[in-house]
PDB file of N, CA and C in Angstrom:
ATOM      1  N   MET A   1     -66.942 -14.505   8.176  1.00  0.00           N
ATOM      2  CA  MET A   1     -65.557 -14.850   7.857  1.00  0.00           C
ATOM      3  C   MET A   1     -64.838 -13.510   7.566  1.00  0.00           C
ATOM      4  N   THR A   2     -63.723 -13.498   7.927  1.00  0.00           N
ATOM      5  CA  THR A   2     -63.142 -12.338   7.518  1.00  0.00           C
ATOM      6  C   THR A   2     -61.655 -12.564   6.676  1.00  0.00           C
ATOM      7  N   GLY A   3     -61.106 -11.589   6.030  1.00  0.00           N
ATOM      8  CA  GLY A   3     -59.965 -12.054   5.300  1.00  0.00           C
ATOM      9  C   GLY A   3     -59.430 -10.600   4.567  1.00  0.00           C
ATOM     10  N   THR A   4     -58.155 -10.805   3.799  1.00  0.00           N
ATOM     11  CA  THR A   4     -57.753  -9.832   3.192  1.00  0.00           C
ATOM     12  C   THR A   4     -57.628 -10.271   1.649  1.00  0.00           C
ATOM     13  N   VAL A   5     -57.931  -9.500   0.538  1.00  0.00           N
ATOM     14  CA  VAL A   5     -57.467 -10.082  -0.537  1.00  0.00           C
ATOM     15  C   VAL A   5     -56.359  -8.823  -1.163  1.00  0.00           C
ATOM     16  N   THR A   6     -55.505  -9.690  -1.526  1.00  0.00           N
ATOM     17  CA  THR A   6     -54.102  -8.966  -1.922  1.00  0.00           C
ATOM     18  C   THR A   6     -53.528  -9.192  -3.614  1.00  0.00           C
ATOM     19  N   ASP A   7     -52.838  -8.870  -4.290  1.00  0.00           N
ATOM     20  CA  ASP A   7     -52.343  -9.200  -5.307  1.00  0.00           C
ATOM     21  C   ASP A   7     -51.521 -10.109  -5.295  1.00  0.00           C
ATOM     22  N   TYR A   8     -51.425 -11.108  -6.103  1.00  0.00           N
ATOM     23  CA  TYR A   8     -50.989 -12.427  -5.688  1.00  0.00           C
ATOM     24  C   TYR A   8     -49.271 -12.238  -6.401  1.00  0.00           C
ATOM     25  N   SER A   9     -49.263 -11.605  -6.790  1.00  0.00           N
ATOM     26  CA  SER A   9     -47.562 -11.480  -7.360  1.00  0.00           C
ATOM     27  C   SER A   9     -46.743 -10.309  -6.213  1.00  0.00           C
ATOM     28  N   ASP A  10     -47.446  -9.118  -6.123  1.00  0.00           N
ATOM     29  CA  ASP A  10     -46.924  -8.578  -5.368  1.00  0.00           C
ATOM     30  C   ASP A  10     -47.432  -8.239  -3.580  1.00  0.00           C
ATOM     31  N   GLY A  11     -48.489  -8.751  -3.231  1.00  0.00           N
ATOM     32  CA  GLY A  11     -48.806  -8.749  -1.880  1.00  0.00           C
ATOM     33  C   GLY A  11     -49.520  -7.541  -1.661  1.00  0.00           C
ATOM     34  N   ILE A  12     -50.044  -6.404  -2.677  1.00  0.00           N
ATOM     35  CA  ILE A  12     -50.437  -5.184  -2.535  1.00  0.00           C
ATOM     36  C   ILE A  12     -52.179  -5.552  -2.347  1.00  0.00           C
ATOM     37  N   PRO A  13     -52.666  -4.889  -1.178  1.00  0.00           N
ATOM     38  CA  PRO A  13     -54.061  -5.156  -0.702  1.00  0.00           C
ATOM     39  C   PRO A  13     -54.761  -4.477  -1.889  1.00  0.00           C
ATOM     40  N   LEU A  14     -55.976  -5.002  -2.143  1.00  0.00           N
ATOM     41  CA  LEU A  14     -56.938  -4.629  -3.175  1.00  0.00           C
ATOM     42  C   LEU A  14     -58.029  -4.225  -2.715  1.00  0.00           C
ATOM     43  N   LEU A  15     -58.424  -2.899  -3.205  1.00  0.00           N
ATOM     44  CA  LEU A  15     -59.553  -2.049  -2.904  1.00  0.00           C
ATOM     45  C   LEU A  15     -60.628  -2.380  -3.824  1.00  0.00           C
ATOM     46  N   GLY A  16     -61.736  -2.641  -3.364  1.00  0.00           N
ATOM     47  CA  GLY A  16     -62.862  -2.840  -4.421  1.00  0.00           C
ATOM     48  C   GLY A  16     -63.249  -4.214  -5.186  1.00  0.00           C
ATOM     49  N   ALA A  17     -62.274  -5.200  -4.575  1.00  0.00           N
ATOM     50  CA  ALA A  17     -62.520  -6.710  -5.181  1.00  0.00           C
ATOM     51  C   ALA A  17     -63.780  -7.126  -4.470  1.00  0.00           C
ATOM     52  N   SER A  18     -64.643  -7.831  -5.486  1.00  0.00           N
ATOM     53  CA  SER A  18     -65.637  -8.278  -4.882  1.00  0.00           C
ATOM     54  C   SER A  18     -65.631  -9.978  -4.269  1.00  0.00           C
ATOM     55  N   VAL A  19     -66.010 -10.178  -3.136  1.00  0.00           N
ATOM     56  CA  VAL A  19     -65.995 -11.412  -2.418  1.00  0.00           C
ATOM     57  C   VAL A  19     -67.454 -11.974  -2.269  1.00  0.00           C
ATOM     58  N   VAL A  20     -68.097 -12.738  -3.281  1.00  0.00           N
ATOM     59  CA  VAL A  20     -68.870 -13.582  -3.156  1.00  0.00           C
ATOM     60  C   VAL A  20     -69.066 -15.135  -2.533  1.00  0.00           C
ATOM     61  N   VAL A  21     -70.045 -15.513  -1.637  1.00  0.00           N
ATOM     62  CA  VAL A  21     -70.256 -16.677  -1.217  1.00  0.00           C
ATOM     63  C   VAL A  21     -71.278 -17.374  -2.441  1.00  0.00           C
ATOM     64  N   LEU A  22     -70.422 -18.283  -3.080  1.00  0.00           N
ATOM     65  CA  LEU A  22     -71.321 -19.023  -4.466  1.00  0.00           C
ATOM     66  C   LEU A  22     -72.573 -19.616  -3.843  1.00  0.00           C
ATOM     67  N   GLU A  23     -72.839 -20.433  -2.671  1.00  0.00           N
ATOM     68  CA  GLU A  23     -73.788 -21.083  -2.302  1.00  0.00           C
ATOM     69  C   GLU A  23     -74.979 -20.230  -1.828  1.00  0.00           C
ATOM     70  N   THR A  24     -74.796 -19.000  -1.378  1.00  0.00           N
ATOM     71  CA  THR A  24     -75.819 -17.975  -1.090  1.00  0.00           C
ATOM     72  C   THR A  24     -75.828 -16.839  -1.876  1.00  0.00           C
ATOM     73  N   ASN A  25     -75.092 -16.432  -2.924  1.00  0.00           N
ATOM     74  CA  ASN A  25     -75.117 -15.196  -3.547  1.00  0.00           C
ATOM     75  C   ASN A  25     -74.739 -14.059  -2.845  1.00  0.00           C
ATOM     76  N   LEU A  26     -74.452 -14.002  -1.255  1.00  0.00           N
ATOM     77  CA  LEU A  26     -74.287 -13.013  -0.777  1.00  0.00           C
ATOM     78  C   LEU A  26     -72.963 -12.523  -1.347  1.00  0.00           C
ATOM     79  N   GLY A  27     -72.464 -11.256  -1.042  1.00  0.00           N
ATOM     80  CA  GLY A  27     -71.188 -10.615  -1.522  1.00  0.00           C
ATOM     81  C   GLY A  27     -70.893  -9.186  -1.012  1.00  0.00           C
ATOM     82  N   VAL A  28     -69.584  -9.054  -0.721  1.00  0.00           N
ATOM     83  CA  VAL A  28     -69.128  -8.087  -0.323  1.00  0.00           C
ATOM     84  C   VAL A  28     -68.295  -7.280  -1.313  1.00  0.00           C
ATOM     85  N   ALA A  29     -67.676  -6.084  -1.096  1.00  0.00           N
ATOM     86  CA  ALA A  29     -66.415  -5.461  -1.673  1.00  0.00           C
ATOM     87  C   ALA A  29     -65.384  -5.345  -0.759  1.00  0.00           C
ATOM     88  N   THR A  30     -64.025  -5.251  -0.785  1.00  0.00           N
ATOM     89  CA  THR A  30     -63.135  -4.812   0.285  1.00  0.00           C
ATOM     90  C   THR A  30     -62.955  -3.759   0.010  1.00  0.00           C
ATOM     91  N   ASP A  31     -62.500  -3.395   1.351  1.00  0.00           N
ATOM     92  CA  ASP A  31     -62.368  -1.949   1.875  1.00  0.00           C
ATOM     93  C   ASP A  31     -60.901  -1.487   1.139  1.00  0.00           C
ATOM     94  N   SER A  32     -60.332  -0.395   1.649  1.00  0.00           N
ATOM     95  CA  SER A  32     -59.030   0.456   1.133  1.00  0.00           C
ATOM     96  C   SER A  32     -57.727  -0.437   1.781  1.00  0.00           C
ATOM     97  N   ASP A  33     -57.971  -1.302   2.663  1.00  0.00           N
ATOM     98  CA  ASP A  33     -57.109  -2.162   2.950  1.00  0.00           C
ATOM     99  C   ASP A  33     -57.011  -3.479   2.308  1.00  0.00           C
ATOM    100  N   GLY A  34     -58.093  -3.701   1.151  1.00  0.00           N
ATOM    101  CA  GLY A  34     -58.124  -5.303   0.696  1.00  0.00           C
ATOM    102  C   GLY A  34     -58.837  -5.964   1.878  1.00  0.00           C
ATOM    103  N   ARG A  35     -59.227  -5.537   3.077  1.00  0.00           N
ATOM    104  CA  ARG A  35     -60.173  -6.392   3.954  1.00  0.00           C
ATOM    105  C   ARG A  35     -61.363  -6.420   3.686  1.00  0.00           C
ATOM    106  N   PHE A  36     -62.142  -7.782   4.072  1.00  0.00           N
ATOM    107  CA  PHE A  36     -63.579  -7.958   3.932  1.00  0.00           C
ATOM    108  C   PHE A  36     -64.217  -8.762   5.063  1.00  0.00           C
ATOM    109  N   THR A  37     -65.452  -8.888   5.186  1.00  0.00           N
ATOM    110  CA  THR A  37     -66.031  -9.615   6.144  1.00  0.00           C
ATOM    111  C   THR A  37     -67.526 -10.075   5.544  1.00  0.00           C
ATOM    112  N   VAL A  38     -67.639 -11.483   5.522  1.00  0.00           N
ATOM    113  CA  VAL A  38     -68.729 -11.788   5.007  1.00  0.00           C
ATOM    114  C   VAL A  38     -69.424 -13.224   5.921  1.00  0.00           C
ATOM    115  N   GLU A  39     -70.675 -13.392   5.518  1.00  0.00           N
ATOM    116  CA  GLU A  39     -71.084 -14.556   6.465  1.00  0.00           C
ATOM    117  C   GLU A  39     -71.000 -15.489   5.394  1.00  0.00           C
ATOM    118  N   ALA A  40     -70.308 -16.389   5.784  1.00  0.00           N
ATOM    119  CA  ALA A  40     -70.103 -17.973   5.282  1.00  0.00           C
ATOM    120  C   ALA A  40     -69.758 -19.175   6.378  1.00  0.00           C
ATOM    121  N   GLN A  41     -70.254 -19.983   5.960  1.00  0.00           N
ATOM    122  CA  GLN A  41     -69.735 -21.301   6.683  1.00  0.00           C
ATOM    123  C   GLN A  41     -68.745 -21.858   6.368  1.00  0.00           C
ATOM    124  N   GLU A  42     -68.443 -23.196   7.065  1.00  0.00           N
ATOM    125  CA  GLU A  42     -67.207 -24.020   6.473  1.00  0.00           C
ATOM    126  C   GLU A  42     -67.652 -24.917   5.635  1.00  0.00           C
ATOM    127  N   GLY A  43     -66.738 -24.930   4.186  1.00  0.00           N
ATOM    128  CA  GLY A  43     -67.450 -25.693   3.348  1.00  0.00           C
ATOM    129  C   GLY A  43     -67.821 -24.941   2.006  1.00  0.00           C
ATOM    130  N   GLN A  44     -68.209 -23.785   2.576  1.00  0.00           N
ATOM    131  CA  GLN A  44     -68.618 -22.780   1.308  1.00  0.00           C
ATOM    132  C   GLN A  44     -67.562 -22.261   0.406  1.00  0.00           C
ATOM    133  N   THR A  45     -67.786 -21.805  -0.775  1.00  0.00           N
ATOM    134  CA  THR A  45     -66.763 -21.275  -1.690  1.00  0.00           C
ATOM    135  C   THR A  45     -66.773 -19.813  -1.882  1.00  0.00           C
ATOM    136  N   LEU A  46     -65.911 -19.406  -1.838  1.00  0.00           N
ATOM    137  CA  LEU A  46     -65.648 -17.641  -1.776  1.00  0.00           C
ATOM    138  C   LEU A  46     -65.056 -17.577  -3.280  1.00  0.00           C
ATOM    139  N   LEU A  47     -65.657 -16.580  -3.835  1.00  0.00           N
ATOM    140  CA  LEU A  47     -65.021 -16.491  -5.549  1.00  0.00           C
ATOM    141  C   LEU A  47     -64.597 -14.868  -5.101  1.00  0.00           C
ATOM    142  N   VAL A  48     -63.594 -14.579  -5.525  1.00  0.00           N
ATOM    143  CA  VAL A  48     -63.013 -13.518  -5.564  1.00  0.00           C
ATOM    144  C   VAL A  48     -62.660 -12.648  -6.920  1.00  0.00           C
ATOM    145  N   SER A  49     -62.906 -11.816  -7.255  1.00  0.00           N
ATOM    146  CA  SER A  49     -62.893 -11.058  -8.640  1.00  0.00           C
ATOM    147  C   SER A  49     -62.668  -9.511  -8.241  1.00  0.00           C
ATOM    148  N   ARG A  50     -61.649  -9.078  -9.451  1.00  0.00           N
ATOM    149  CA  ARG A  50     -61.513  -7.588  -9.779  1.00  0.00           C
ATOM    150  C   ARG A  50     -61.294  -7.283 -11.082  1.00  0.00           C
ATOM    151  N   ILE A  51     -61.677  -6.237 -11.467  1.00  0.00           N
ATOM    152  CA  ILE A  51     -61.274  -5.739 -13.100  1.00  0.00           C
ATOM    153  C   ILE A  51     -59.830  -5.785 -13.100  1.00  0.00           C
ATOM    154  N   GLY A  52     -59.394  -6.631 -14.046  1.00  0.00           N
ATOM    155  CA  GLY A  52     -57.814  -6.378 -14.301  1.00  0.00           C
ATOM    156  C   GLY A  52     -57.212  -7.715 -13.868  1.00  0.00           C
ATOM    157  N   PHE A  53     -57.973  -8.711 -12.788  1.00  0.00           N
ATOM    158  CA  PHE A  53     -57.088  -9.510 -11.994  1.00  0.00           C
ATOM    159  C   PHE A  53     -58.009 -10.936 -12.626  1.00  0.00           C
ATOM    160  N   PRO A  54     -57.582 -12.100 -12.846  1.00  0.00           N
ATOM    161  CA  PRO A  54     -58.017 -13.144 -12.941  1.00  0.00           C
ATOM    162  C   PRO A  54     -58.947 -13.547 -12.042  1.00  0.00           C
ATOM    163  N   THR A  55     -60.178 -14.157 -11.821  1.00  0.00           N
ATOM    164  CA  THR A  55     -61.038 -14.640 -10.657  1.00  0.00           C
ATOM    165  C   THR A  55     -60.478 -15.871  -9.950  1.00  0.00           C
TER     166      THR A  55
END
């Protein structure tokens, strides 16, 4: 699965946000453009967090 994490109010890409697949505890960090790629299956839950932002 790939995606982009952005600030929900401004839409600015977030560098260094953590993206974790809860069912597997596999996780990655977003790149400088807020992009990530993680191994996830349909129906699994992604948890996104970053200091200073709500989970």
